[in-house]
C-alpha atoms as a PDB file:
ATOM      1  CA  UNK A   1      26.193-151.487  -6.054  1.00  0.00           C
ATOM      2  CA  UNK A   2      26.904-152.584  -9.661  1.00  0.00           C
ATOM      3  CA  UNK A   3      30.595-153.387  -8.828  1.00  0.00           C
ATOM      4  CA  UNK A   4      29.563-155.396  -5.786  1.00  0.00           C
ATOM      5  CA  UNK A   5      27.062-157.408  -7.879  1.00  0.00           C
ATOM      6  CA  UNK A   6      29.695-158.224 -10.480  1.00  0.00           C
ATOM      7  CA  UNK A   7      32.110-159.307  -7.757  1.00  0.00           C
ATOM      8  CA  UNK A   8      29.524-161.612  -6.227  1.00  0.00           C
ATOM      9  CA  UNK A   9      28.644-163.108  -9.598  1.00  0.00           C
ATOM     10  CA  UNK A  10      32.340-163.676 -10.233  1.00  0.00           C
ATOM     11  CA  UNK A  11      32.537-165.496  -6.917  1.00  0.00           C
ATOM     12  CA  UNK A  12      29.564-167.676  -7.880  1.00  0.00           C
ATOM     13  CA  UNK A  13      31.103-168.364 -11.259  1.00  0.00           C
ATOM     14  CA  UNK A  14      34.419-169.230  -9.629  1.00  0.00           C
ATOM     15  CA  UNK A  15      32.779-171.757  -7.308  1.00  0.00           C
ATOM     16  CA  UNK A  16      30.719-173.250 -10.100  1.00  0.00           C
ATOM     17  CA  UNK A  17      33.798-173.614 -12.229  1.00  0.00           C
ATOM     18  CA  UNK A  18      35.548-175.203  -9.267  1.00  0.00           C
ATOM     19  CA  UNK A  19      32.642-177.626  -8.876  1.00  0.00           C
ATOM     20  CA  UNK A  20      32.659-178.453 -12.571  1.00  0.00           C
ATOM     21  CA  UNK A  21      36.406-178.938 -12.430  1.00  0.00           C
ATOM     22  CA  UNK A  22      35.991-181.186  -9.396  1.00  0.00           C
ATOM     23  CA  UNK A  23      33.259-183.238 -11.047  1.00  0.00           C
ATOM     24  CA  UNK A  24      35.160-183.504 -14.307  1.00  0.00           C
ATOM     25  CA  UNK A  25      38.339-184.327 -12.416  1.00  0.00           C
ATOM     26  CA  UNK A  26      36.521-186.992 -10.419  1.00  0.00           C
ATOM     27  CA  UNK A  27      35.034-188.453 -13.591  1.00  0.00           C
ATOM     28  CA  UNK A  28      38.391-188.414 -15.257  1.00  0.00           C
ATOM     29  CA  UNK A  29      39.984-190.082 -12.279  1.00  0.00           C
ATOM     30  CA  UNK A  30      37.245-192.700 -12.172  1.00  0.00           C
ATOM     31  CA  UNK A  31      37.587-193.299 -15.890  1.00  0.00           C
ATOM     32  CA  UNK A  32      41.292-193.838 -15.407  1.00  0.00           C
ATOM     33  CA  UNK A  33      40.619-196.290 -12.666  1.00  0.00           C
ATOM     34  CA  UNK A  34      37.943-198.089 -14.638  1.00  0.00           C
ATOM     35  CA  UNK A  35      39.982-198.418 -17.797  1.00  0.00           C
ATOM     36  CA  UNK A  36      43.246-199.278 -16.033  1.00  0.00           C
ATOM     37  CA  UNK A  37      44.240-202.927 -16.749  1.00  0.00           C
ATOM     38  CA  UNK A  38      43.561-205.283 -13.938  1.00  0.00           C
ATOM     39  CA  UNK A  39      46.710-206.979 -12.695  1.00  0.00           C
ATOM     40  CA  UNK A  40      46.951-210.654 -13.306  1.00  0.00           C
ATOM     41  CA  UNK A  41      45.516-212.962 -10.810  1.00  0.00           C
ATOM     42  CA  UNK A  42      43.091-210.310  -9.451  1.00  0.00           C
ATOM     43  CA  UNK A  43      39.465-209.974 -10.053  1.00  0.00           C
ATOM     44  CA  UNK A  44      38.002-206.686 -11.395  1.00  0.00           C
ATOM     45  CA  UNK A  45      35.360-204.782  -9.504  1.00  0.00           C
ATOM     46  CA  UNK A  46      32.004-206.363  -9.526  1.00  0.00           C
ATOM     47  CA  UNK A  47      28.943-204.722 -11.063  1.00  0.00           C
ATOM     48  CA  UNK A  48      27.519-204.086  -7.643  1.00  0.00           C
ATOM     49  CA  UNK A  49      30.684-202.367  -6.575  1.00  0.00           C
ATOM     50  CA  UNK A  50      30.572-200.106  -9.578  1.00  0.00           C
ATOM     51  CA  UNK A  51      26.954-199.301  -8.888  1.00  0.00           C
ATOM     52  CA  UNK A  52      27.813-198.471  -5.319  1.00  0.00           C
ATOM     53  CA  UNK A  53      30.703-196.375  -6.484  1.00  0.00           C
ATOM     54  CA  UNK A  54      28.598-194.454  -8.952  1.00  0.00           C
ATOM     55  CA  UNK A  55      25.847-194.063  -6.383  1.00  0.00           C
ATOM     56  CA  UNK A  56      28.293-192.624  -3.894  1.00  0.00           C
ATOM     57  CA  UNK A  57      29.768-190.355  -6.548  1.00  0.00           C
ATOM     58  CA  UNK A  58      26.285-189.174  -7.490  1.00  0.00           C
ATOM     59  CA  UNK A  59      25.440-188.545  -3.860  1.00  0.00           C
ATOM     60  CA  UNK A  60      28.679-186.675  -3.437  1.00  0.00           C
ATOM     61  CA  UNK A  61      27.971-184.630  -6.577  1.00  0.00           C
ATOM     62  CA  UNK A  62      24.422-183.911  -5.339  1.00  0.00           C
ATOM     63  CA  UNK A  63      25.755-182.839  -1.975  1.00  0.00           C
ATOM     64  CA  UNK A  64      28.323-180.631  -3.640  1.00  0.00           C
ATOM     65  CA  UNK A  65      25.648-179.199  -5.913  1.00  0.00           C
ATOM     66  CA  UNK A  66      23.395-178.551  -2.909  1.00  0.00           C
ATOM     67  CA  UNK A  67      26.282-176.868  -1.137  1.00  0.00           C
ATOM     68  CA  UNK A  68      26.866-174.801  -4.246  1.00  0.00           C
ATOM     69  CA  UNK A  69      23.196-173.802  -4.342  1.00  0.00           C
ATOM     70  CA  UNK A  70      23.288-172.995  -0.650  1.00  0.00           C
ATOM     71  CA  UNK A  71      26.431-170.953  -1.112  1.00  0.00           C
ATOM     72  CA  UNK A  72      24.813-169.197  -4.090  1.00  0.00           C
ATOM     73  CA  UNK A  73      21.704-168.572  -1.978  1.00  0.00           C
ATOM     74  CA  UNK A  74      23.811-167.177   0.830  1.00  0.00           C
ATOM     75  CA  UNK A  75      25.674-164.947  -1.592  1.00  0.00           C
ATOM     76  CA  UNK A  76      22.354-163.891  -3.220  1.00  0.00           C
ATOM     77  CA  UNK A  77      20.861-163.179   0.207  1.00  0.00           C
ATOM     78  CA  UNK A  78      23.851-161.085   1.157  1.00  0.00           C
ATOM     79  CA  UNK A  79      23.618-159.282  -2.170  1.00  0.00           C
ATOM     80  CA  UNK A  80      19.872-158.738  -1.684  1.00  0.00           C
ATOM     81  CA  UNK A  81      20.448-157.623   1.901  1.00  0.00           C
ATOM     82  CA  UNK A  82      23.188-155.301   0.688  1.00  0.00           C
ATOM     83  CA  UNK A  83      20.826-153.936  -1.968  1.00  0.00           C
ATOM     84  CA  UNK A  84      18.069-153.512   0.602  1.00  0.00           C
ATOM     85  CA  UNK A  85      20.531-151.755   2.925  1.00  0.00           C
ATOM     86  CA  UNK A  86      21.623-149.499   0.074  1.00  0.00           C
ATOM     87  CA  UNK A  87      18.016-148.768  -0.806  1.00  0.00           C
ATOM     88  CA  UNK A  88      17.290-148.110   2.875  1.00  0.00           C
ATOM     89  CA  UNK A  89      20.303-145.826   3.172  1.00  0.00           C
ATOM     90  CA  UNK A  90      19.323-143.984   0.016  1.00  0.00           C
ATOM     91  CA  UNK A  91      15.719-143.815   1.174  1.00  0.00           C
ATOM     92  CA  UNK A  92      16.883-142.416   4.506  1.00  0.00           C
ATOM     93  CA  UNK A  93      19.140-140.002   2.637  1.00  0.00           C
ATOM     94  CA  UNK A  94      16.233-139.007   0.397  1.00  0.00           C
ATOM     95  CA  UNK A  95      14.024-138.641   3.465  1.00  0.00           C
ATOM     96  CA  UNK A  96      16.699-136.575   5.169  1.00  0.00           C
ATOM     97  CA  UNK A  97      17.030-134.400   2.078  1.00  0.00           C
ATOM     98  CA  UNK A  98      13.271-134.170   1.908  1.00  0.00           C
ATOM     99  CA  UNK A  99      13.072-133.110   5.552  1.00  0.00           C
ATOM    100  CA  UNK A 100      15.918-130.690   5.020  1.00  0.00           C
ATOM    101  CA  UNK A 101      14.287-129.332   1.863  1.00  0.00           C
ATOM    102  CA  UNK A 102      10.974-129.084   3.726  1.00  0.00           C
ATOM    103  CA  UNK A 103      12.694-127.222   6.562  1.00  0.00           C
ATOM    104  CA  UNK A 104      14.400-124.941   4.066  1.00  0.00           C
ATOM    105  CA  UNK A 105      11.078-124.397   2.296  1.00  0.00           C
ATOM    106  CA  UNK A 106       9.440-123.613   5.595  1.00  0.00           C
ATOM    107  CA  UNK A 107      12.290-121.272   6.445  1.00  0.00           C
ATOM    108  CA  UNK A 108      12.042-119.650   3.030  1.00  0.00           C
ATOM    109  CA  UNK A 109       8.281-119.402   3.428  1.00  0.00           C
ATOM    110  CA  UNK A 110       8.762-117.853   6.861  1.00  0.00           C
ATOM    111  CA  UNK A 111      11.419-115.496   5.492  1.00  0.00           C
ATOM    112  CA  UNK A 112       9.203-114.638   2.539  1.00  0.00           C
ATOM    113  CA  UNK A 113       6.223-114.102   4.822  1.00  0.00           C
ATOM    114  CA  UNK A 114       8.349-111.973   7.150  1.00  0.00           C
ATOM    115  CA  UNK A 115       9.737-110.042   4.177  1.00  0.00           C
ATOM    116  CA  UNK A 116       6.274-109.537   2.709  1.00  0.00           C
ATOM    117  CA  UNK A 117       4.945-108.511   6.117  1.00  0.00           C
ATOM    118  CA  UNK A 118       7.813-106.041   6.505  1.00  0.00           C
ATOM    119  CA  UNK A 119       7.325-104.714   2.987  1.00  0.00           C
ATOM    120  CA  UNK A 120       3.587-104.389   3.488  1.00  0.00           C
ATOM    121  CA  UNK A 121       4.184-102.643   6.813  1.00  0.00           C
ATOM    122  CA  UNK A 122       6.707-100.301   5.179  1.00  0.00           C
ATOM    123  CA  UNK A 123       4.340 -99.719   2.266  1.00  0.00           C
ATOM    124  CA  UNK A 124       1.467 -99.047   4.644  1.00  0.00           C
ATOM    125  CA  UNK A 125       3.621 -96.703   6.746  1.00  0.00           C
ATOM    126  CA  UNK A 126       4.932 -94.958   3.631  1.00  0.00           C
ATOM    127  CA  UNK A 127       1.409 -94.664   2.240  1.00  0.00           C
ATOM    128  CA  UNK A 128       0.139 -93.374   5.574  1.00  0.00           C
ATOM    129  CA  UNK A 129       2.977 -90.851   5.755  1.00  0.00           C
ATOM    130  CA  UNK A 130       2.358 -89.733   2.183  1.00  0.00           C
ATOM    131  CA  UNK A 131      -1.359 -89.425   2.807  1.00  0.00           C
ATOM    132  CA  UNK A 132      -0.647 -87.531   6.039  1.00  0.00           C
ATOM    133  CA  UNK A 133       1.855 -85.298   4.226  1.00  0.00           C
ATOM    134  CA  UNK A 134      -0.570 -84.747   1.359  1.00  0.00           C
ATOM    135  CA  UNK A 135      -3.369 -84.065   3.825  1.00  0.00           C
ATOM    136  CA  UNK A 136      -1.160 -81.647   5.754  1.00  0.00           C
ATOM    137  CA  UNK A 137      -0.089 -79.964   2.500  1.00  0.00           C
ATOM    138  CA  UNK A 138      -3.659 -79.697   1.262  1.00  0.00           C
ATOM    139  CA  UNK A 139      -4.804 -78.526   4.680  1.00  0.00           C
ATOM    140  CA  UNK A 140      -2.070 -75.889   4.673  1.00  0.00           C
ATOM    141  CA  UNK A 141      -2.995 -74.876   1.127  1.00  0.00           C
ATOM    142  CA  UNK A 142      -6.676 -74.685   2.000  1.00  0.00           C
ATOM    143  CA  UNK A 143      -5.832 -72.814   5.198  1.00  0.00           C
ATOM    144  CA  UNK A 144      -3.676 -70.409   3.208  1.00  0.00           C
ATOM    145  CA  UNK A 145      -6.403 -70.087   0.580  1.00  0.00           C
ATOM    146  CA  UNK A 146      -9.005 -69.542   3.291  1.00  0.00           C
ATOM    147  CA  UNK A 147      -6.792 -66.959   4.972  1.00  0.00           C
ATOM    148  CA  UNK A 148      -6.160 -65.294   1.613  1.00  0.00           C
ATOM    149  CA  UNK A 149      -9.888 -65.262   0.852  1.00  0.00           C
ATOM    150  CA  UNK A 150     -10.636 -63.860   4.286  1.00  0.00           C
ATOM    151  CA  UNK A 151      -7.907 -61.235   3.888  1.00  0.00           C
ATOM    152  CA  UNK A 152      -9.142 -60.273   0.430  1.00  0.00           C
ATOM    153  CA  UNK A 153     -12.718 -60.263   1.723  1.00  0.00           C
ATOM    154  CA  UNK A 154     -11.614 -58.031   4.597  1.00  0.00           C
ATOM    155  CA  UNK A 155      -9.772 -55.747   2.187  1.00  0.00           C
ATOM    156  CA  UNK A 156     -12.780 -55.682  -0.115  1.00  0.00           C
ATOM    157  CA  UNK A 157     -15.082 -54.927   2.803  1.00  0.00           C
ATOM    158  CA  UNK A 158     -12.649 -52.261   3.976  1.00  0.00           C
ATOM    159  CA  UNK A 159     -12.479 -50.745   0.499  1.00  0.00           C
ATOM    160  CA  UNK A 160     -16.255 -50.979   0.207  1.00  0.00           C
ATOM    161  CA  UNK A 161     -16.616 -49.290   3.572  1.00  0.00           C
ATOM    162  CA  UNK A 162     -14.068 -46.659   2.553  1.00  0.00           C
ATOM    163  CA  UNK A 163     -15.900 -46.126  -0.716  1.00  0.00           C
ATOM    164  CA  UNK A 164     -19.219 -45.786   1.094  1.00  0.00           C
ATOM    165  CA  UNK A 165     -17.696 -43.380   3.580  1.00  0.00           C
ATOM    166  CA  UNK A 166     -16.011 -41.417   0.802  1.00  0.00           C
ATOM    167  CA  UNK A 167     -19.248 -41.168  -1.191  1.00  0.00           C
ATOM    168  CA  UNK A 168     -21.181 -40.059   1.878  1.00  0.00           C
ATOM    169  CA  UNK A 169     -18.435 -37.638   2.875  1.00  0.00           C
ATOM    170  CA  UNK A 170     -18.281 -36.137  -0.622  1.00  0.00           C
ATOM    171  CA  UNK A 171     -22.063 -35.857  -0.746  1.00  0.00           C
ATOM    172  CA  UNK A 172     -22.074 -34.003   2.569  1.00  0.00           C
ATOM    173  CA  UNK A 173     -19.193 -31.816   1.415  1.00  0.00           C
ATOM    174  CA  UNK A 174     -20.909 -31.006  -1.907  1.00  0.00           C
ATOM    175  CA  UNK A 175     -24.164 -30.226  -0.097  1.00  0.00           C
ATOM    176  CA  UNK A 176     -22.330 -27.888   2.288  1.00  0.00           C
ATOM    177  CA  UNK A 177     -20.508 -26.230  -0.623  1.00  0.00           C
ATOM    178  CA  UNK A 178     -23.715 -25.706  -2.615  1.00  0.00           C
ATOM    179  CA  UNK A 179     -25.617 -24.276   0.366  1.00  0.00           C
ATOM    180  CA  UNK A 180     -22.741 -22.010   1.377  1.00  0.00           C
ATOM    181  CA  UNK A 181     -21.946 -20.817  -2.145  1.00  0.00           C
ATOM    182  CA  UNK A 182     -25.572 -19.974  -2.921  1.00  0.00           C
ATOM    183  CA  UNK A 183     -26.138 -18.032   0.287  1.00  0.00           C
ATOM    184  CA  UNK A 184     -22.943 -16.023   0.810  1.00  0.00           C
ATOM    185  CA  UNK A 185     -21.229 -12.944  -0.517  1.00  0.00           C
ATOM    186  CA  UNK A 186     -17.437 -13.348  -0.076  1.00  0.00           C
ATOM    187  CA  UNK A 187     -16.743  -9.674  -0.787  1.00  0.00           C
ATOM    188  CA  UNK A 188     -18.322  -8.304   2.398  1.00  0.00           C
ATOM    189  CA  UNK A 189     -17.195  -8.486   6.019  1.00  0.00           C
ATOM    190  CA  UNK A 190     -20.442  -9.571   7.665  1.00  0.00           C
ATOM    191  CA  UNK A 191     -23.010 -11.940   6.101  1.00  0.00           C
ATOM    192  CA  UNK A 192     -26.706 -11.172   6.458  1.00  0.00           C
ATOM    193  CA  UNK A 193     -28.629 -12.872   9.289  1.00  0.00           C
ATOM    194  CA  UNK A 194     -30.554 -14.920   6.709  1.00  0.00           C
ATOM    195  CA  UNK A 195     -27.346 -16.101   5.056  1.00  0.00           C
ATOM    196  CA  UNK A 196     -25.791 -16.879   8.430  1.00  0.00           C
ATOM    197  CA  UNK A 197     -28.444 -19.565   8.958  1.00  0.00           C
ATOM    198  CA  UNK A 198     -27.524 -21.131   5.640  1.00  0.00           C
ATOM    199  CA  UNK A 199     -23.849 -20.785   6.477  1.00  0.00           C
ATOM    200  CA  UNK A 200     -24.403 -22.669   9.725  1.00  0.00           C
ATOM    201  CA  UNK A 201     -26.066 -25.440   7.737  1.00  0.00           C
ATOM    202  CA  UNK A 202     -23.154 -25.401   5.240  1.00  0.00           C
ATOM    203  CA  UNK A 203     -20.685 -25.666   8.129  1.00  0.00           C
ATOM    204  CA  UNK A 204     -22.691 -28.581   9.549  1.00  0.00           C
ATOM    205  CA  UNK A 205     -22.606 -30.587   6.283  1.00  0.00           C
ATOM    206  CA  UNK A 206     -18.958 -29.679   5.681  1.00  0.00           C
ATOM    207  CA  UNK A 207     -18.103 -30.921   9.187  1.00  0.00           C
ATOM    208  CA  UNK A 208     -19.948 -34.210   8.565  1.00  0.00           C
ATOM    209  CA  UNK A 209     -18.163 -34.632   5.270  1.00  0.00           C
ATOM    210  CA  UNK A 210     -14.734 -33.945   6.764  1.00  0.00           C
ATOM    211  CA  UNK A 211     -15.349 -36.343   9.655  1.00  0.00           C
ATOM    212  CA  UNK A 212     -16.021 -39.128   7.146  1.00  0.00           C
ATOM    213  CA  UNK A 213     -13.145 -38.283   4.802  1.00  0.00           C
ATOM    214  CA  UNK A 214     -10.293 -37.307   7.116  1.00  0.00           C
ATOM    215  CA  UNK A 215      -9.298 -40.933   7.922  1.00  0.00           C
ATOM    216  CA  UNK A 216      -9.536 -42.123   4.305  1.00  0.00           C
ATOM    217  CA  UNK A 217      -6.687 -42.168   1.785  1.00  0.00           C
ATOM    218  CA  UNK A 218      -6.727 -39.641  -1.014  1.00  0.00           C
ATOM    219  CA  UNK A 219      -7.199 -35.881  -1.253  1.00  0.00           C
ATOM    220  CA  UNK A 220     -10.976 -35.783  -0.803  1.00  0.00           C
ATOM    221  CA  UNK A 221     -10.541 -34.828   2.833  1.00  0.00           C
ATOM    222  CA  UNK A 222      -8.808 -31.573   1.838  1.00  0.00           C
ATOM    223  CA  UNK A 223     -11.832 -30.528  -0.225  1.00  0.00           C
ATOM    224  CA  UNK A 224     -14.106 -31.107   2.785  1.00  0.00           C
ATOM    225  CA  UNK A 225     -11.605 -29.377   5.103  1.00  0.00           C
ATOM    226  CA  UNK A 226     -11.439 -26.378   2.768  1.00  0.00           C
ATOM    227  CA  UNK A 227     -15.245 -26.066   2.778  1.00  0.00           C
ATOM    228  CA  UNK A 228     -15.336 -26.372   6.574  1.00  0.00           C
ATOM    229  CA  UNK A 229     -12.686 -23.693   7.184  1.00  0.00           C
ATOM    230  CA  UNK A 230     -13.958 -21.401   4.417  1.00  0.00           C
ATOM    231  CA  UNK A 231     -17.602 -21.307   5.519  1.00  0.00           C
ATOM    232  CA  UNK A 232     -16.655 -21.211   9.229  1.00  0.00           C
ATOM    233  CA  UNK A 233     -14.567 -18.117   8.421  1.00  0.00           C
ATOM    234  CA  UNK A 234     -17.437 -16.503   6.550  1.00  0.00           C
ATOM    235  CA  UNK A 235     -19.644 -17.299   9.546  1.00  0.00           C
ATOM    236  CA  UNK A 236     -16.877 -15.832  11.772  1.00  0.00           C
ATOM    237  CA  UNK A 237     -17.082 -18.651  14.300  1.00  0.00           C
ATOM    238  CA  UNK A 238     -15.017 -17.542  17.274  1.00  0.00           C
ATOM    239  CA  UNK A 239     -15.252 -20.747  19.310  1.00  0.00           C
ATOM    240  CA  UNK A 240     -12.946 -22.604  16.938  1.00  0.00           C
ATOM    241  CA  UNK A 241     -10.481 -19.808  16.237  1.00  0.00           C
ATOM    242  CA  UNK A 242      -7.317 -21.801  17.133  1.00  0.00           C
ATOM    243  CA  UNK A 243      -8.524 -24.912  15.274  1.00  0.00           C
ATOM    244  CA  UNK A 244      -9.388 -22.878  12.186  1.00  0.00           C
ATOM    245  CA  UNK A 245      -5.954 -21.236  12.131  1.00  0.00           C
ATOM    246  CA  UNK A 246      -4.265 -24.642  12.457  1.00  0.00           C
ATOM    247  CA  UNK A 247      -6.418 -26.108   9.687  1.00  0.00           C
ATOM    248  CA  UNK A 248      -5.797 -23.070   7.489  1.00  0.00           C
ATOM    249  CA  UNK A 249      -2.050 -23.582   7.796  1.00  0.00           C
ATOM    250  CA  UNK A 250      -2.604 -27.236   6.778  1.00  0.00           C
ATOM    251  CA  UNK A 251      -4.501 -26.002   3.701  1.00  0.00           C
ATOM    252  CA  UNK A 252      -1.617 -23.663   2.907  1.00  0.00           C
ATOM    253  CA  UNK A 253       0.801 -26.622   2.944  1.00  0.00           C
ATOM    254  CA  UNK A 254      -1.490 -28.600   0.634  1.00  0.00           C
ATOM    255  CA  UNK A 255      -1.904 -25.611  -1.693  1.00  0.00           C
ATOM    256  CA  UNK A 256       1.877 -25.107  -1.852  1.00  0.00           C
ATOM    257  CA  UNK A 257       2.390 -28.810  -2.562  1.00  0.00           C
ATOM    258  CA  UNK A 258      -0.067 -28.786  -5.471  1.00  0.00           C
ATOM    259  CA  UNK A 259       0.554 -25.179  -6.503  1.00  0.00           C
ATOM    260  CA  UNK A 260       1.083 -26.250 -10.106  1.00  0.00           C
ATOM    261  CA  UNK A 261      -2.512 -27.534 -10.262  1.00  0.00           C
ATOM    262  CA  UNK A 262      -5.590 -25.302 -10.729  1.00  0.00           C
ATOM    263  CA  UNK A 263      -7.529 -26.700  -7.756  1.00  0.00           C
ATOM    264  CA  UNK A 264      -4.850 -25.487  -5.315  1.00  0.00           C
ATOM    265  CA  UNK A 265      -6.090 -21.888  -5.587  1.00  0.00           C
ATOM    266  CA  UNK A 266      -9.171 -22.304  -3.307  1.00  0.00           C
ATOM    267  CA  UNK A 267      -6.934 -23.749  -0.571  1.00  0.00           C
ATOM    268  CA  UNK A 268      -4.634 -20.719  -0.709  1.00  0.00           C
ATOM    269  CA  UNK A 269      -7.591 -18.305  -0.774  1.00  0.00           C
ATOM    270  CA  UNK A 270      -9.142 -20.023   2.279  1.00  0.00           C
ATOM    271  CA  UNK A 271      -5.845 -19.669   4.113  1.00  0.00           C
ATOM    272  CA  UNK A 272      -5.632 -15.969   3.294  1.00  0.00           C
ATOM    273  CA  UNK A 273      -9.267 -15.352   4.385  1.00  0.00           C
ATOM    274  CA  UNK A 274      -8.709 -17.238   7.678  1.00  0.00           C
ATOM    275  CA  UNK A 275      -5.624 -15.110   8.434  1.00  0.00           C
ATOM    276  CA  UNK A 276      -7.680 -12.010   7.543  1.00  0.00           C
ATOM    277  CA  UNK A 277     -10.405 -12.940  10.044  1.00  0.00           C
ATOM    278  CA  UNK A 278      -8.426 -14.616  12.855  1.00  0.00           C
ATOM    279  CA  UNK A 279      -4.752 -13.838  12.246  1.00  0.00           C
ATOM    280  CA  UNK A 280      -2.771 -11.512  14.522  1.00  0.00           C
ATOM    281  CA  UNK A 281       0.831 -12.227  13.550  1.00  0.00           C
ATOM    282  CA  UNK A 282       2.150  -9.533  11.209  1.00  0.00           C
ATOM    283  CA  UNK A 283       4.477 -11.853   9.328  1.00  0.00           C
ATOM    284  CA  UNK A 284       1.659 -14.328   8.751  1.00  0.00           C
ATOM    285  CA  UNK A 285      -0.631 -11.518   7.550  1.00  0.00           C
ATOM    286  CA  UNK A 286       2.039 -10.366   5.114  1.00  0.00           C
ATOM    287  CA  UNK A 287       2.483 -13.969   3.918  1.00  0.00           C
ATOM    288  CA  UNK A 288      -1.277 -14.263   3.350  1.00  0.00           C
ATOM    289  CA  UNK A 289      -1.361 -10.987   1.384  1.00  0.00           C
ATOM    290  CA  UNK A 290       1.640 -12.144  -0.667  1.00  0.00           C
ATOM    291  CA  UNK A 291      -0.136 -15.430  -1.403  1.00  0.00           C
ATOM    292  CA  UNK A 292      -3.221 -13.597  -2.707  1.00  0.00           C
ATOM    293  CA  UNK A 293      -1.056 -11.273  -4.774  1.00  0.00           C
ATOM    294  CA  UNK A 294       0.632 -14.292  -6.370  1.00  0.00           C
ATOM    295  CA  UNK A 295      -2.781 -15.728  -7.236  1.00  0.00           C
ATOM    296  CA  UNK A 296      -3.887 -12.438  -8.844  1.00  0.00           C
ATOM    297  CA  UNK A 297      -0.594 -12.188 -10.696  1.00  0.00           C
ATOM    298  CA  UNK A 298      -1.137 -15.558 -12.342  1.00  0.00           C
ATOM    299  CA  UNK A 299      -4.522 -14.455 -13.685  1.00  0.00           C
ATOM    300  CA  UNK A 300      -7.153 -16.694 -15.239  1.00  0.00           C
ATOM    301  CA  UNK A 301      -9.445 -16.598 -12.215  1.00  0.00           C
ATOM    302  CA  UNK A 302     -13.244 -16.734 -12.502  1.00  0.00           C
ATOM    303  CA  UNK A 303     -14.951 -13.386 -11.846  1.00  0.00           C
ATOM    304  CA  UNK A 304     -16.338 -14.371  -8.441  1.00  0.00           C
ATOM    305  CA  UNK A 305     -12.972 -15.751  -7.276  1.00  0.00           C
ATOM    306  CA  UNK A 306     -11.077 -12.754  -8.672  1.00  0.00           C
ATOM    307  CA  UNK A 307     -13.378 -10.305  -6.887  1.00  0.00           C
ATOM    308  CA  UNK A 308     -12.955 -12.275  -3.668  1.00  0.00           C
ATOM    309  CA  UNK A 309      -9.159 -12.296  -4.094  1.00  0.00           C
ATOM    310  CA  UNK A 310      -9.044  -8.531  -4.564  1.00  0.00           C
ATOM    311  CA  UNK A 311     -11.319  -8.044  -1.550  1.00  0.00           C
ATOM    312  CA  UNK A 312      -9.017 -10.237   0.619  1.00  0.00           C
ATOM    313  CA  UNK A 313      -5.880  -8.479  -0.699  1.00  0.00           C
ATOM    314  CA  UNK A 314      -7.350  -5.047   0.074  1.00  0.00           C
ATOM    315  CA  UNK A 315      -8.575  -6.150   3.507  1.00  0.00           C
ATOM    316  CA  UNK A 316      -5.192  -7.638   4.430  1.00  0.00           C
ATOM    317  CA  UNK A 317      -3.442  -4.412   3.360  1.00  0.00           C
ATOM    318  CA  UNK A 318      -5.873  -2.438   5.497  1.00  0.00           C
ATOM    319  CA  UNK A 319      -5.254  -4.765   8.441  1.00  0.00           C
ATOM    320  CA  UNK A 320      -1.524  -4.221   8.076  1.00  0.00           C
ATOM    321  CA  UNK A 321      -2.041  -0.464   7.959  1.00  0.00           C
ATOM    322  CA  UNK A 322      -4.162  -0.626  11.102  1.00  0.00           C
ATOM    323  CA  UNK A 323      -1.416  -2.540  12.848  1.00  0.00           C
ATOM    324  CA  UNK A 324       1.187   0.092  11.796  1.00  0.00           C
ATOM    325  CA  UNK A 325      -1.096   2.918  12.910  1.00  0.00           C
ATOM    326  CA  UNK A 326      -1.705   1.285  16.279  1.00  0.00           C
END
């Protein structure tokens, strides 16, 4: 736009200079005519002619000046129109850029909104999944804890029940042992009718104690079983002869297993007495007598138990002699 303006102003200047040159040239030409010597015999121009000449020259100069102004106006209008067109083009370009920028902004806003929506959706989904995972984990932990508590509660209740049963079983066993011990004489074959009633009561409590203890862990059941077999043998109960022999053999196995301990002796003595009362196999009778002889050989027995051991050893020897004689 600046180059075009300079070019137009140069054109205006060129035409003005041309006009000035024309005017000056015309004036110079007129001055040459006016100051040229008049040939002899001819009259010079009259004053009126000069006035007419100058008037025509002035009119011509005015017309030329008007044409110059018109030409300058036309050139100025074209320049103004060109400037307006340039401004319009630039305005349209600016408007186009503005529309384009607005469209890009809208697109960016839409993209940003879509991106934010996607991110928020992903964040919400991730948060929901984490919460669900945490809830599932906590639920599993609480379920495991609840199951563990229930299992421990069950075990505690089971142990409590076992402890109650063991206490009751031991109480019954101790009661049977006290009643039977106080009302028996283990060194005679037949107990008195009065003692037999007490023995029956001792067998009853020993049976109750063994029923409670036989399913429980530990060795308490063998104490109750020993009392049951021992007092049943003293009572000479014939209805349970096979069961008593089987239980006596079980007591023998327990006594052999814990033979190095002092409390194994009553188990072995009960076995020997049961074989004495109910046994019929010679080898088993000899084994029972050998067991009692081993107990006596070790020594250190209380007087009551030693007297009972010697009684059983003598009775088993007599039973073997009877078998030989028969």
